[in-house]
């Protein structure tokens, strides 16, 4: 029974990893313009191209639809889309406020152990700056933000924040390709972390809000450079 449970858990983890990989690859191609708006995204063809079943393809397309990078048309399949500038700004505005609230609560509520975990992740990110690996930095960056969500000790707020983050994730990930962005992101994190460690609720929220606003600006700069 234990082996069966473990096998199911491992299979679930592998499937989530596969879905994320597909989502990243498709999002990169859409954002870079390699897949133009209106291009049909056939599940069978994508499954063949990436040598996977249709199930993870379908899940990846669903997530991209939530981000505005794909339009799922009932009974007609999915096509490439691009969110309007207004919608993109709206998503980032919501993201900024949700994360600012998480950071402000974390400044008040984080336990000593949770603060140590946040510090450790922050140091892991520092070590990645010189390596110049945007994908790895993105992965650890998500852990940094997740630690703050958890430290807010508000499960409902964390759920809302994670849901919004998933939608914004392709754009947050893309901006790490800007020259010097990893170091700048780490410096922004430093402002957030210092405020949290000092228990400064207002400052932590302001620093996080500014960080997310900068992320949007960096994404727009990346887009304009293509």
N, C-alpha and C. Protein backbone atom coordinates (compact mmCIF):
# COMPACT_ATOMS: atom_id res chain seq x y z
N UNK A 1 0.84 -1.21 0.00
CA UNK A 1 0.00 0.00 0.00
C UNK A 1 0.87 1.26 0.00
N UNK A 2 1.95 1.23 0.81
CA UNK A 2 2.84 2.39 0.86
C UNK A 2 3.46 2.65 -0.49
N UNK A 3 3.90 1.56 -1.15
CA UNK A 3 4.52 1.71 -2.46
C UNK A 3 3.55 2.30 -3.47
N UNK A 4 2.29 1.85 -3.41
CA UNK A 4 1.27 2.36 -4.32
C UNK A 4 1.04 3.84 -4.11
N UNK A 5 0.98 4.26 -2.85
CA UNK A 5 0.78 5.68 -2.54
C UNK A 5 1.95 6.50 -3.05
N UNK A 6 3.17 5.99 -2.83
CA UNK A 6 4.36 6.70 -3.30
C UNK A 6 4.37 6.79 -4.81
N UNK A 7 4.01 5.69 -5.48
CA UNK A 7 3.99 5.69 -6.94
C UNK A 7 3.01 6.74 -7.47
N UNK A 8 1.85 6.83 -6.82
CA UNK A 8 0.86 7.82 -7.25
C UNK A 8 1.39 9.23 -7.03
N UNK A 9 2.05 9.45 -5.91
CA UNK A 9 2.60 10.78 -5.61
C UNK A 9 3.68 11.14 -6.62
N UNK A 10 4.54 10.16 -6.93
CA UNK A 10 5.63 10.41 -7.88
C UNK A 10 5.06 10.68 -9.26
N UNK A 11 4.04 9.91 -9.65
CA UNK A 11 3.41 10.13 -10.95
C UNK A 11 2.79 11.52 -11.03
N UNK A 12 2.15 11.93 -9.92
CA UNK A 12 1.55 13.25 -9.88
C UNK A 12 2.59 14.35 -10.01
N UNK A 13 3.73 14.17 -9.34
CA UNK A 13 4.82 15.14 -9.43
C UNK A 13 5.39 15.22 -10.83
N UNK A 14 5.58 14.05 -11.46
CA UNK A 14 6.10 14.02 -12.82
C UNK A 14 5.14 14.71 -13.80
N UNK A 15 3.84 14.48 -13.60
CA UNK A 15 2.86 15.10 -14.49
C UNK A 15 2.86 16.61 -14.34
N UNK A 16 2.93 17.09 -13.08
CA UNK A 16 2.97 18.55 -12.86
C UNK A 16 4.22 19.16 -13.48
N UNK A 17 5.35 18.45 -13.36
CA UNK A 17 6.60 18.94 -13.94
C UNK A 17 6.50 18.99 -15.45
N UNK A 18 5.88 17.98 -16.05
CA UNK A 18 5.71 17.93 -17.50
C UNK A 18 4.79 19.05 -17.98
N UNK A 19 3.71 19.28 -17.26
CA UNK A 19 2.78 20.36 -17.61
C UNK A 19 3.50 21.70 -17.55
N UNK A 20 4.29 21.92 -16.50
CA UNK A 20 5.03 23.17 -16.35
C UNK A 20 6.02 23.35 -17.50
N UNK A 21 6.71 22.27 -17.87
CA UNK A 21 7.67 22.35 -18.97
C UNK A 21 6.97 22.73 -20.27
N UNK A 22 5.84 22.11 -20.55
CA UNK A 22 5.08 22.43 -21.75
C UNK A 22 4.60 23.87 -21.72
N UNK A 23 4.09 24.28 -20.57
CA UNK A 23 3.59 25.65 -20.44
C UNK A 23 4.71 26.66 -20.69
N UNK A 24 5.88 26.41 -20.11
CA UNK A 24 7.02 27.31 -20.30
C UNK A 24 7.43 27.40 -21.76
N UNK A 25 7.53 26.24 -22.42
CA UNK A 25 7.99 26.23 -23.81
C UNK A 25 7.00 26.95 -24.73
N UNK A 26 5.72 26.68 -24.54
CA UNK A 26 4.71 27.33 -25.37
C UNK A 26 4.62 28.82 -25.08
N UNK A 27 4.69 29.19 -23.79
CA UNK A 27 4.63 30.61 -23.42
C UNK A 27 5.81 31.37 -24.02
N UNK A 28 6.99 30.77 -23.96
CA UNK A 28 8.18 31.42 -24.52
C UNK A 28 8.01 31.70 -26.01
N UNK A 29 7.47 30.72 -26.74
CA UNK A 29 7.29 30.87 -28.18
C UNK A 29 6.23 31.92 -28.50
N UNK A 30 5.18 31.97 -27.68
CA UNK A 30 4.12 32.96 -27.91
C UNK A 30 4.63 34.37 -27.61
N UNK A 31 5.28 34.53 -26.46
CA UNK A 31 5.78 35.86 -26.08
C UNK A 31 6.83 36.36 -27.06
N UNK A 32 7.67 35.45 -27.56
CA UNK A 32 8.73 35.83 -28.51
C UNK A 32 8.21 36.05 -29.92
N UNK A 33 6.93 35.73 -30.16
CA UNK A 33 6.35 35.93 -31.47
C UNK A 33 6.56 34.78 -32.43
N UNK A 34 7.14 33.67 -31.94
CA UNK A 34 7.33 32.50 -32.81
C UNK A 34 6.01 31.83 -33.13
N UNK A 35 5.05 31.99 -32.25
CA UNK A 35 3.68 31.53 -32.51
C UNK A 35 2.80 32.78 -32.53
N UNK A 36 2.33 33.13 -33.69
CA UNK A 36 1.59 34.39 -33.85
C UNK A 36 0.16 34.25 -33.35
N UNK A 37 -0.45 35.35 -32.91
CA UNK A 37 -1.86 35.33 -32.50
C UNK A 37 -2.73 34.75 -33.61
N UNK A 38 -3.65 33.89 -33.23
CA UNK A 38 -4.52 33.26 -34.20
C UNK A 38 -4.06 31.89 -34.65
N UNK A 39 -2.80 31.55 -34.35
CA UNK A 39 -2.27 30.24 -34.73
C UNK A 39 -3.01 29.14 -33.98
N UNK A 40 -3.48 28.14 -34.72
CA UNK A 40 -4.20 27.03 -34.09
C UNK A 40 -3.23 26.17 -33.28
N UNK A 41 -3.70 25.72 -32.12
CA UNK A 41 -2.91 24.86 -31.24
C UNK A 41 -3.64 23.52 -31.10
N UNK A 42 -3.31 22.60 -31.97
CA UNK A 42 -3.96 21.30 -31.99
C UNK A 42 -3.34 20.38 -30.94
N UNK A 43 -4.17 19.87 -30.04
CA UNK A 43 -3.67 19.03 -28.95
C UNK A 43 -2.92 17.81 -29.46
N UNK A 44 -3.45 17.16 -30.49
CA UNK A 44 -2.82 15.95 -31.02
C UNK A 44 -1.46 16.27 -31.63
N UNK A 45 -1.38 17.36 -32.37
CA UNK A 45 -0.12 17.75 -32.99
C UNK A 45 0.91 18.15 -31.94
N UNK A 46 0.48 18.88 -30.92
CA UNK A 46 1.41 19.27 -29.85
C UNK A 46 1.88 18.06 -29.07
N UNK A 47 0.99 17.11 -28.82
CA UNK A 47 1.37 15.89 -28.11
C UNK A 47 2.42 15.11 -28.91
N UNK A 48 2.23 15.08 -30.24
CA UNK A 48 3.20 14.38 -31.10
C UNK A 48 4.54 15.11 -31.10
N UNK A 49 4.49 16.45 -31.20
CA UNK A 49 5.73 17.23 -31.27
C UNK A 49 6.55 17.10 -29.99
N UNK A 50 5.87 17.13 -28.83
CA UNK A 50 6.58 17.06 -27.56
C UNK A 50 6.68 15.63 -27.01
N UNK A 51 6.14 14.67 -27.76
CA UNK A 51 6.21 13.25 -27.41
C UNK A 51 5.61 12.97 -26.02
N UNK A 52 4.40 13.47 -25.85
CA UNK A 52 3.67 13.27 -24.60
C UNK A 52 2.23 12.90 -24.96
N UNK A 53 1.44 12.56 -23.94
CA UNK A 53 0.02 12.31 -24.17
C UNK A 53 -0.71 13.64 -24.28
N UNK A 54 -1.97 13.59 -24.66
CA UNK A 54 -2.75 14.81 -24.81
C UNK A 54 -3.13 15.43 -23.46
N UNK A 55 -3.11 14.64 -22.39
CA UNK A 55 -3.54 15.14 -21.08
C UNK A 55 -2.68 16.31 -20.58
N UNK A 56 -1.34 16.18 -20.53
CA UNK A 56 -0.55 17.34 -20.07
C UNK A 56 -0.62 18.52 -21.04
N UNK A 57 -0.80 18.23 -22.33
CA UNK A 57 -0.96 19.31 -23.31
C UNK A 57 -2.22 20.11 -23.00
N UNK A 58 -3.31 19.39 -22.76
CA UNK A 58 -4.59 20.03 -22.45
C UNK A 58 -4.48 20.89 -21.19
N UNK A 59 -3.78 20.39 -20.16
CA UNK A 59 -3.61 21.14 -18.91
C UNK A 59 -2.74 22.38 -19.12
N UNK A 60 -1.68 22.24 -19.91
CA UNK A 60 -0.81 23.38 -20.20
C UNK A 60 -1.58 24.47 -20.94
N UNK A 61 -2.40 24.07 -21.91
CA UNK A 61 -3.20 25.04 -22.65
C UNK A 61 -4.22 25.73 -21.74
N UNK A 62 -4.77 24.99 -20.79
CA UNK A 62 -5.72 25.58 -19.84
C UNK A 62 -5.05 26.67 -19.02
N UNK A 63 -3.83 26.41 -18.57
CA UNK A 63 -3.10 27.39 -17.77
C UNK A 63 -2.74 28.61 -18.62
N UNK A 64 -2.37 28.39 -19.87
CA UNK A 64 -2.04 29.50 -20.75
C UNK A 64 -3.27 30.32 -21.10
N UNK A 65 -4.42 29.68 -21.15
CA UNK A 65 -5.67 30.39 -21.36
C UNK A 65 -5.95 31.34 -20.20
N UNK A 66 -5.66 30.88 -18.98
CA UNK A 66 -5.85 31.72 -17.80
C UNK A 66 -4.93 32.93 -17.83
N UNK A 67 -3.76 32.79 -18.47
CA UNK A 67 -2.80 33.89 -18.56
C UNK A 67 -3.13 34.83 -19.71
N UNK A 68 -4.03 34.43 -20.59
CA UNK A 68 -4.37 35.25 -21.74
C UNK A 68 -3.50 35.00 -22.95
N UNK A 69 -2.64 33.97 -22.89
CA UNK A 69 -1.76 33.66 -24.02
C UNK A 69 -2.38 32.66 -24.98
N UNK A 70 -3.47 32.07 -24.59
CA UNK A 70 -4.20 31.12 -25.43
C UNK A 70 -5.69 31.42 -25.27
N UNK A 71 -6.41 31.27 -26.36
CA UNK A 71 -7.87 31.40 -26.31
C UNK A 71 -8.48 30.04 -26.61
N UNK A 72 -9.15 29.47 -25.62
CA UNK A 72 -9.81 28.18 -25.80
C UNK A 72 -11.20 28.41 -26.36
N UNK A 73 -11.45 27.91 -27.57
CA UNK A 73 -12.74 28.11 -28.23
C UNK A 73 -13.55 26.82 -28.16
N UNK A 74 -14.71 26.84 -27.54
CA UNK A 74 -15.53 25.63 -27.42
C UNK A 74 -15.80 24.98 -28.78
N UNK A 75 -15.49 23.69 -28.86
CA UNK A 75 -15.74 22.87 -30.06
C UNK A 75 -14.89 23.27 -31.26
N UNK A 76 -13.96 24.21 -31.09
CA UNK A 76 -13.13 24.62 -32.23
C UNK A 76 -11.64 24.56 -31.90
N UNK A 77 -11.28 24.17 -30.69
CA UNK A 77 -9.88 24.09 -30.32
C UNK A 77 -9.32 25.41 -29.82
N UNK A 78 -8.04 25.41 -29.51
CA UNK A 78 -7.39 26.60 -28.94
C UNK A 78 -6.54 27.30 -29.99
N UNK A 79 -6.40 28.61 -29.82
CA UNK A 79 -5.53 29.40 -30.70
C UNK A 79 -4.65 30.31 -29.84
N UNK A 80 -3.54 30.72 -30.42
CA UNK A 80 -2.63 31.64 -29.73
C UNK A 80 -3.32 33.00 -29.57
N UNK A 81 -3.14 33.60 -28.42
CA UNK A 81 -3.70 34.93 -28.15
C UNK A 81 -2.63 35.77 -27.45
N UNK A 82 -2.91 37.04 -27.30
CA UNK A 82 -2.03 37.92 -26.53
C UNK A 82 -2.93 38.80 -25.67
N UNK A 83 -2.69 38.85 -24.36
CA UNK A 83 -3.53 39.71 -23.52
C UNK A 83 -3.35 41.17 -23.91
N UNK A 84 -4.41 41.93 -23.81
CA UNK A 84 -4.30 43.37 -24.09
C UNK A 84 -3.41 44.02 -23.03
N UNK A 85 -2.90 45.19 -23.35
CA UNK A 85 -2.07 45.91 -22.39
C UNK A 85 -2.87 46.21 -21.12
N UNK A 86 -4.13 46.55 -21.29
CA UNK A 86 -4.97 46.87 -20.13
C UNK A 86 -5.14 45.66 -19.22
N UNK A 87 -5.35 44.50 -19.83
CA UNK A 87 -5.52 43.29 -19.02
C UNK A 87 -4.22 42.92 -18.32
N UNK A 88 -3.12 43.07 -19.02
CA UNK A 88 -1.82 42.75 -18.42
C UNK A 88 -1.55 43.66 -17.23
N UNK A 89 -1.80 44.94 -17.40
CA UNK A 89 -1.62 45.89 -16.30
C UNK A 89 -2.54 45.53 -15.14
N UNK A 90 -3.77 45.15 -15.46
CA UNK A 90 -4.72 44.78 -14.41
C UNK A 90 -4.27 43.58 -13.62
N UNK A 91 -3.73 42.57 -14.31
CA UNK A 91 -3.24 41.39 -13.61
C UNK A 91 -2.09 41.74 -12.68
N UNK A 92 -1.17 42.58 -13.17
CA UNK A 92 -0.03 42.95 -12.34
C UNK A 92 -0.43 43.85 -11.17
N UNK A 93 -1.43 44.71 -11.39
CA UNK A 93 -1.91 45.55 -10.28
C UNK A 93 -2.48 44.67 -9.17
N UNK A 94 -3.29 43.69 -9.56
CA UNK A 94 -3.86 42.78 -8.56
C UNK A 94 -2.75 41.98 -7.87
N UNK A 95 -1.79 41.53 -8.66
CA UNK A 95 -0.67 40.77 -8.10
C UNK A 95 0.10 41.60 -7.09
N UNK A 96 0.34 42.86 -7.43
CA UNK A 96 1.10 43.74 -6.53
C UNK A 96 0.40 43.93 -5.20
N UNK A 97 -0.91 44.12 -5.24
CA UNK A 97 -1.65 44.34 -3.99
C UNK A 97 -1.72 43.07 -3.15
N UNK A 98 -1.93 41.93 -3.79
CA UNK A 98 -2.00 40.67 -3.05
C UNK A 98 -0.65 40.35 -2.40
N UNK A 99 0.42 40.52 -3.15
CA UNK A 99 1.74 40.21 -2.59
C UNK A 99 2.15 41.23 -1.54
N UNK A 100 1.74 42.47 -1.71
CA UNK A 100 2.04 43.48 -0.69
C UNK A 100 1.35 43.13 0.62
N UNK A 101 0.12 42.65 0.53
CA UNK A 101 -0.61 42.25 1.73
C UNK A 101 0.06 41.05 2.40
N UNK A 102 0.50 40.09 1.58
CA UNK A 102 1.21 38.93 2.13
C UNK A 102 2.48 39.38 2.86
N UNK A 103 3.23 40.27 2.24
CA UNK A 103 4.48 40.74 2.85
C UNK A 103 4.21 41.49 4.15
N UNK A 104 3.16 42.30 4.18
CA UNK A 104 2.86 43.06 5.39
C UNK A 104 2.46 42.13 6.54
N UNK A 105 1.65 41.11 6.23
CA UNK A 105 1.28 40.15 7.26
C UNK A 105 2.50 39.33 7.71
N UNK A 106 3.35 38.96 6.74
CA UNK A 106 4.54 38.17 7.07
C UNK A 106 5.45 38.93 8.03
N UNK A 107 5.53 40.25 7.87
CA UNK A 107 6.36 41.06 8.76
C UNK A 107 5.89 40.94 10.20
N UNK A 108 4.60 40.74 10.39
CA UNK A 108 4.03 40.63 11.73
C UNK A 108 3.98 39.19 12.25
N UNK A 109 3.80 38.22 11.34
CA UNK A 109 3.42 36.89 11.76
C UNK A 109 4.45 35.79 11.53
N UNK A 110 5.48 36.03 10.75
CA UNK A 110 6.44 34.97 10.45
C UNK A 110 7.12 34.46 11.72
N UNK A 111 7.24 33.16 11.82
CA UNK A 111 7.96 32.57 12.95
C UNK A 111 9.46 32.69 12.72
N UNK A 112 10.23 32.43 13.75
CA UNK A 112 11.69 32.48 13.61
C UNK A 112 12.17 31.48 12.56
N UNK A 113 11.59 30.29 12.57
CA UNK A 113 11.99 29.26 11.60
C UNK A 113 11.64 29.69 10.17
N UNK A 114 10.48 30.32 10.00
CA UNK A 114 10.08 30.78 8.67
C UNK A 114 10.97 31.91 8.17
N UNK A 115 11.40 32.77 9.07
CA UNK A 115 12.32 33.85 8.68
C UNK A 115 13.67 33.28 8.25
N UNK A 116 14.10 32.23 8.96
CA UNK A 116 15.37 31.59 8.59
C UNK A 116 15.26 30.94 7.21
N UNK A 117 14.13 30.32 6.93
CA UNK A 117 13.92 29.71 5.62
C UNK A 117 13.97 30.78 4.53
N UNK A 118 13.33 31.92 4.77
CA UNK A 118 13.33 33.01 3.80
C UNK A 118 14.75 33.52 3.55
N UNK A 119 15.53 33.66 4.63
CA UNK A 119 16.92 34.09 4.49
C UNK A 119 17.73 33.11 3.66
N UNK A 120 17.52 31.83 3.90
CA UNK A 120 18.26 30.80 3.17
C UNK A 120 17.94 30.84 1.68
N UNK A 121 16.67 31.01 1.36
CA UNK A 121 16.27 31.09 -0.05
C UNK A 121 16.87 32.34 -0.69
N UNK A 122 16.88 33.43 0.04
CA UNK A 122 17.46 34.68 -0.45
C UNK A 122 18.93 34.49 -0.78
N UNK A 123 19.65 33.75 0.05
CA UNK A 123 21.06 33.47 -0.21
C UNK A 123 21.24 32.55 -1.40
N UNK A 124 20.33 31.60 -1.57
CA UNK A 124 20.39 30.72 -2.75
C UNK A 124 20.24 31.55 -4.03
N UNK A 125 19.35 32.53 -3.99
CA UNK A 125 19.17 33.40 -5.15
C UNK A 125 20.43 34.23 -5.41
N UNK A 126 21.08 34.69 -4.35
CA UNK A 126 22.30 35.48 -4.51
C UNK A 126 23.37 34.67 -5.25
N UNK A 127 23.45 33.38 -4.90
CA UNK A 127 24.45 32.51 -5.52
C UNK A 127 24.18 32.28 -7.00
N UNK A 128 22.92 32.45 -7.41
CA UNK A 128 22.55 32.18 -8.80
C UNK A 128 22.78 33.39 -9.72
N UNK A 129 22.98 34.55 -9.14
CA UNK A 129 23.11 35.77 -9.95
C UNK A 129 24.24 35.66 -10.96
N UNK A 130 25.41 35.22 -10.51
CA UNK A 130 26.57 35.17 -11.39
C UNK A 130 26.50 34.01 -12.38
N UNK A 131 25.66 33.02 -12.08
CA UNK A 131 25.52 31.89 -12.99
C UNK A 131 24.75 32.25 -14.25
N UNK A 132 23.90 33.28 -14.15
CA UNK A 132 23.17 33.74 -15.31
C UNK A 132 22.18 32.73 -15.87
N UNK A 133 21.51 31.99 -14.97
CA UNK A 133 20.53 30.98 -15.40
C UNK A 133 19.13 31.49 -15.05
N UNK A 134 18.44 32.17 -15.99
CA UNK A 134 17.12 32.75 -15.68
C UNK A 134 16.09 31.71 -15.23
N UNK A 135 16.12 30.52 -15.84
CA UNK A 135 15.12 29.51 -15.48
C UNK A 135 15.30 29.05 -14.05
N UNK A 136 16.54 28.76 -13.65
CA UNK A 136 16.78 28.32 -12.28
C UNK A 136 16.46 29.43 -11.29
N UNK A 137 16.80 30.67 -11.65
CA UNK A 137 16.49 31.80 -10.77
C UNK A 137 14.97 31.93 -10.62
N UNK A 138 14.25 31.74 -11.72
CA UNK A 138 12.79 31.80 -11.67
C UNK A 138 12.23 30.77 -10.70
N UNK A 139 12.77 29.55 -10.75
CA UNK A 139 12.28 28.48 -9.88
C UNK A 139 12.50 28.82 -8.40
N UNK A 140 13.70 29.28 -8.06
CA UNK A 140 13.99 29.61 -6.66
C UNK A 140 13.26 30.89 -6.26
N UNK A 141 13.08 31.79 -7.21
CA UNK A 141 12.32 33.02 -6.95
C UNK A 141 10.89 32.69 -6.52
N UNK A 142 10.30 31.68 -7.14
CA UNK A 142 8.95 31.28 -6.75
C UNK A 142 8.93 30.76 -5.31
N UNK A 143 10.00 30.07 -4.93
CA UNK A 143 10.09 29.57 -3.55
C UNK A 143 10.20 30.74 -2.56
N UNK A 144 10.92 31.79 -2.95
CA UNK A 144 11.06 32.99 -2.10
C UNK A 144 9.69 33.61 -1.84
N UNK A 145 8.94 33.80 -2.93
CA UNK A 145 7.62 34.42 -2.77
C UNK A 145 6.66 33.50 -2.02
N UNK A 146 6.74 32.19 -2.29
CA UNK A 146 5.88 31.23 -1.59
C UNK A 146 6.14 31.24 -0.09
N UNK A 147 7.41 31.43 0.30
CA UNK A 147 7.74 31.48 1.72
C UNK A 147 7.07 32.68 2.39
N UNK A 148 6.93 33.77 1.65
CA UNK A 148 6.27 34.96 2.19
C UNK A 148 4.76 34.72 2.28
N UNK A 149 4.18 34.07 1.25
CA UNK A 149 2.76 33.75 1.32
C UNK A 149 2.47 32.90 2.55
N UNK A 150 3.29 31.88 2.76
CA UNK A 150 3.10 30.98 3.91
C UNK A 150 3.28 31.74 5.23
N UNK A 151 4.25 32.64 5.23
CA UNK A 151 4.53 33.39 6.45
C UNK A 151 3.46 34.39 6.82
N UNK A 152 2.56 34.69 5.86
CA UNK A 152 1.45 35.60 6.16
C UNK A 152 0.42 34.94 7.05
N UNK A 153 0.43 33.60 7.10
CA UNK A 153 -0.50 32.83 7.94
C UNK A 153 -1.96 33.21 7.69
N UNK A 154 -2.28 33.28 6.40
CA UNK A 154 -3.66 33.52 5.97
C UNK A 154 -3.88 32.63 4.76
N UNK A 155 -4.48 31.48 4.99
CA UNK A 155 -4.60 30.46 3.94
C UNK A 155 -5.40 30.97 2.75
N UNK A 156 -6.47 31.69 3.00
CA UNK A 156 -7.30 32.18 1.90
C UNK A 156 -6.54 33.20 1.05
N UNK A 157 -5.82 34.10 1.70
CA UNK A 157 -5.01 35.08 0.98
C UNK A 157 -3.95 34.37 0.15
N UNK A 158 -3.32 33.35 0.72
CA UNK A 158 -2.29 32.60 -0.01
C UNK A 158 -2.87 31.94 -1.25
N UNK A 159 -4.07 31.38 -1.13
CA UNK A 159 -4.72 30.74 -2.28
C UNK A 159 -4.99 31.76 -3.39
N UNK A 160 -5.51 32.92 -3.03
CA UNK A 160 -5.78 33.96 -4.01
C UNK A 160 -4.49 34.41 -4.70
N UNK A 161 -3.45 34.56 -3.91
CA UNK A 161 -2.17 35.04 -4.43
C UNK A 161 -1.55 34.02 -5.38
N UNK A 162 -1.57 32.76 -5.00
CA UNK A 162 -1.01 31.71 -5.85
C UNK A 162 -1.78 31.62 -7.16
N UNK A 163 -3.11 31.70 -7.10
CA UNK A 163 -3.93 31.63 -8.31
C UNK A 163 -3.57 32.76 -9.27
N UNK A 164 -3.40 33.96 -8.74
CA UNK A 164 -3.03 35.09 -9.58
C UNK A 164 -1.61 34.94 -10.10
N UNK A 165 -0.74 34.44 -9.25
CA UNK A 165 0.65 34.26 -9.66
C UNK A 165 0.77 33.30 -10.84
N UNK A 166 0.00 32.23 -10.82
CA UNK A 166 0.03 31.26 -11.92
C UNK A 166 -0.31 31.96 -13.24
N UNK A 167 -1.27 32.85 -13.20
CA UNK A 167 -1.67 33.57 -14.42
C UNK A 167 -0.59 34.52 -14.91
N UNK A 168 0.12 35.13 -13.99
CA UNK A 168 1.13 36.12 -14.35
C UNK A 168 2.50 35.48 -14.59
N UNK A 169 2.66 34.23 -14.19
CA UNK A 169 3.96 33.56 -14.21
C UNK A 169 4.70 33.64 -15.54
N UNK A 170 4.06 33.44 -16.71
CA UNK A 170 4.84 33.51 -17.95
C UNK A 170 5.52 34.86 -18.18
N UNK A 171 4.88 35.93 -17.73
CA UNK A 171 5.42 37.26 -17.93
C UNK A 171 6.52 37.56 -16.91
N UNK A 172 6.32 37.08 -15.68
CA UNK A 172 7.35 37.24 -14.65
C UNK A 172 8.61 36.49 -15.06
N UNK A 173 8.43 35.31 -15.61
CA UNK A 173 9.56 34.48 -16.03
C UNK A 173 10.33 35.13 -17.18
N UNK A 174 9.61 35.70 -18.13
CA UNK A 174 10.25 36.28 -19.31
C UNK A 174 11.17 37.45 -18.96
N UNK A 175 10.78 38.26 -17.97
CA UNK A 175 11.56 39.46 -17.66
C UNK A 175 12.94 39.16 -17.09
N UNK A 176 13.16 37.93 -16.64
CA UNK A 176 14.48 37.57 -16.12
C UNK A 176 15.53 37.49 -17.23
N UNK A 177 15.10 37.55 -18.49
CA UNK A 177 16.05 37.50 -19.60
C UNK A 177 16.68 38.87 -19.88
N UNK A 178 16.16 39.92 -19.25
CA UNK A 178 16.76 41.24 -19.41
C UNK A 178 18.16 41.27 -18.79
N UNK A 179 19.07 41.93 -19.46
CA UNK A 179 20.44 42.02 -18.98
C UNK A 179 20.49 42.67 -17.60
N UNK A 180 21.11 42.00 -16.65
CA UNK A 180 21.27 42.53 -15.31
C UNK A 180 20.05 42.39 -14.42
N UNK A 181 18.99 41.76 -14.93
CA UNK A 181 17.73 41.69 -14.17
C UNK A 181 17.85 40.84 -12.91
N UNK A 182 18.63 39.76 -12.95
CA UNK A 182 18.72 38.88 -11.78
C UNK A 182 19.26 39.65 -10.58
N UNK A 183 20.30 40.43 -10.78
CA UNK A 183 20.88 41.21 -9.68
C UNK A 183 19.90 42.27 -9.17
N UNK A 184 19.18 42.90 -10.10
CA UNK A 184 18.21 43.92 -9.69
C UNK A 184 17.06 43.29 -8.90
N UNK A 185 16.61 42.14 -9.36
CA UNK A 185 15.53 41.44 -8.66
C UNK A 185 15.96 41.09 -7.24
N UNK A 186 17.19 40.62 -7.10
CA UNK A 186 17.68 40.25 -5.78
C UNK A 186 17.75 41.46 -4.85
N UNK A 187 18.15 42.59 -5.41
CA UNK A 187 18.22 43.83 -4.60
C UNK A 187 16.82 44.25 -4.15
N UNK A 188 15.82 44.07 -5.01
CA UNK A 188 14.44 44.38 -4.65
C UNK A 188 13.95 43.43 -3.55
N UNK A 189 14.30 42.15 -3.69
CA UNK A 189 13.96 41.18 -2.65
C UNK A 189 14.58 41.58 -1.32
N UNK A 190 15.79 42.09 -1.39
CA UNK A 190 16.51 42.46 -0.17
C UNK A 190 15.73 43.50 0.62
N UNK A 191 15.14 44.46 -0.08
CA UNK A 191 14.34 45.49 0.58
C UNK A 191 13.13 44.88 1.28
N UNK A 192 12.50 43.93 0.60
CA UNK A 192 11.34 43.25 1.19
C UNK A 192 11.76 42.46 2.41
N UNK A 193 12.84 41.70 2.28
CA UNK A 193 13.26 40.81 3.35
C UNK A 193 13.69 41.58 4.60
N UNK A 194 14.42 42.65 4.41
CA UNK A 194 14.88 43.46 5.54
C UNK A 194 13.68 43.98 6.33
N UNK A 195 12.66 44.47 5.61
CA UNK A 195 11.47 44.99 6.28
C UNK A 195 10.74 43.88 7.04
N UNK A 196 10.67 42.70 6.45
CA UNK A 196 10.02 41.57 7.13
C UNK A 196 10.80 41.19 8.38
N UNK A 197 12.11 41.11 8.27
CA UNK A 197 12.94 40.72 9.41
C UNK A 197 12.82 41.72 10.56
N UNK A 198 12.60 42.97 10.22
CA UNK A 198 12.48 44.01 11.24
C UNK A 198 11.05 44.15 11.74
N UNK A 199 10.14 43.39 11.16
CA UNK A 199 8.74 43.48 11.58
C UNK A 199 8.06 44.75 11.15
N UNK A 200 8.56 45.37 10.08
CA UNK A 200 8.01 46.65 9.61
C UNK A 200 6.94 46.39 8.55
N UNK A 201 5.72 46.30 9.00
CA UNK A 201 4.61 45.91 8.13
C UNK A 201 4.42 46.84 6.94
N UNK A 202 4.32 48.13 7.18
CA UNK A 202 4.06 49.08 6.10
C UNK A 202 5.19 49.07 5.09
N UNK A 203 6.41 49.09 5.57
CA UNK A 203 7.57 49.10 4.67
C UNK A 203 7.64 47.83 3.84
N UNK A 204 7.33 46.69 4.46
CA UNK A 204 7.37 45.42 3.73
C UNK A 204 6.37 45.43 2.59
N UNK A 205 5.16 45.91 2.86
CA UNK A 205 4.14 45.99 1.83
C UNK A 205 4.53 46.92 0.70
N UNK A 206 5.07 48.07 1.04
CA UNK A 206 5.48 49.04 0.03
C UNK A 206 6.61 48.49 -0.84
N UNK A 207 7.56 47.82 -0.20
CA UNK A 207 8.70 47.27 -0.94
C UNK A 207 8.24 46.18 -1.91
N UNK A 208 7.29 45.36 -1.46
CA UNK A 208 6.80 44.29 -2.34
C UNK A 208 5.97 44.87 -3.48
N UNK A 209 5.16 45.86 -3.18
CA UNK A 209 4.34 46.49 -4.23
C UNK A 209 5.24 47.10 -5.30
N UNK A 210 6.29 47.77 -4.88
CA UNK A 210 7.24 48.37 -5.82
C UNK A 210 7.95 47.29 -6.64
N UNK A 211 8.29 46.19 -5.99
CA UNK A 211 8.97 45.08 -6.67
C UNK A 211 8.10 44.53 -7.80
N UNK A 212 6.83 44.27 -7.54
CA UNK A 212 5.95 43.71 -8.56
C UNK A 212 5.69 44.72 -9.68
N UNK A 213 5.59 45.99 -9.34
CA UNK A 213 5.45 47.02 -10.36
C UNK A 213 6.66 47.05 -11.27
N UNK A 214 7.84 46.89 -10.69
CA UNK A 214 9.07 46.86 -11.47
C UNK A 214 9.12 45.62 -12.36
N UNK A 215 8.62 44.50 -11.86
CA UNK A 215 8.57 43.28 -12.67
C UNK A 215 7.76 43.53 -13.94
N UNK A 216 6.61 44.19 -13.81
CA UNK A 216 5.80 44.50 -14.99
C UNK A 216 6.57 45.40 -15.95
N UNK A 217 7.23 46.40 -15.43
CA UNK A 217 7.99 47.32 -16.29
C UNK A 217 9.13 46.58 -16.99
N UNK A 218 9.76 45.65 -16.29
CA UNK A 218 10.84 44.88 -16.88
C UNK A 218 10.31 43.95 -17.98
N UNK A 219 9.12 43.40 -17.75
CA UNK A 219 8.53 42.55 -18.79
C UNK A 219 8.23 43.37 -20.05
N UNK A 220 7.68 44.55 -19.86
CA UNK A 220 7.37 45.41 -21.00
C UNK A 220 8.64 45.81 -21.73
N UNK A 221 9.74 46.03 -20.99
CA UNK A 221 11.01 46.35 -21.62
C UNK A 221 11.53 45.16 -22.43
N UNK A 222 11.37 43.96 -21.87
CA UNK A 222 11.78 42.75 -22.58
C UNK A 222 10.97 42.60 -23.87
N UNK A 223 9.67 42.83 -23.80
CA UNK A 223 8.79 42.68 -24.95
C UNK A 223 9.19 43.66 -26.06
N UNK A 224 9.50 44.89 -25.65
CA UNK A 224 9.86 45.90 -26.64
C UNK A 224 11.22 45.64 -27.29
N UNK A 225 12.04 44.80 -26.66
CA UNK A 225 13.37 44.48 -27.19
C UNK A 225 13.34 43.37 -28.22
N UNK A 226 12.21 42.68 -28.34
CA UNK A 226 12.13 41.54 -29.26
C UNK A 226 12.03 41.99 -30.71
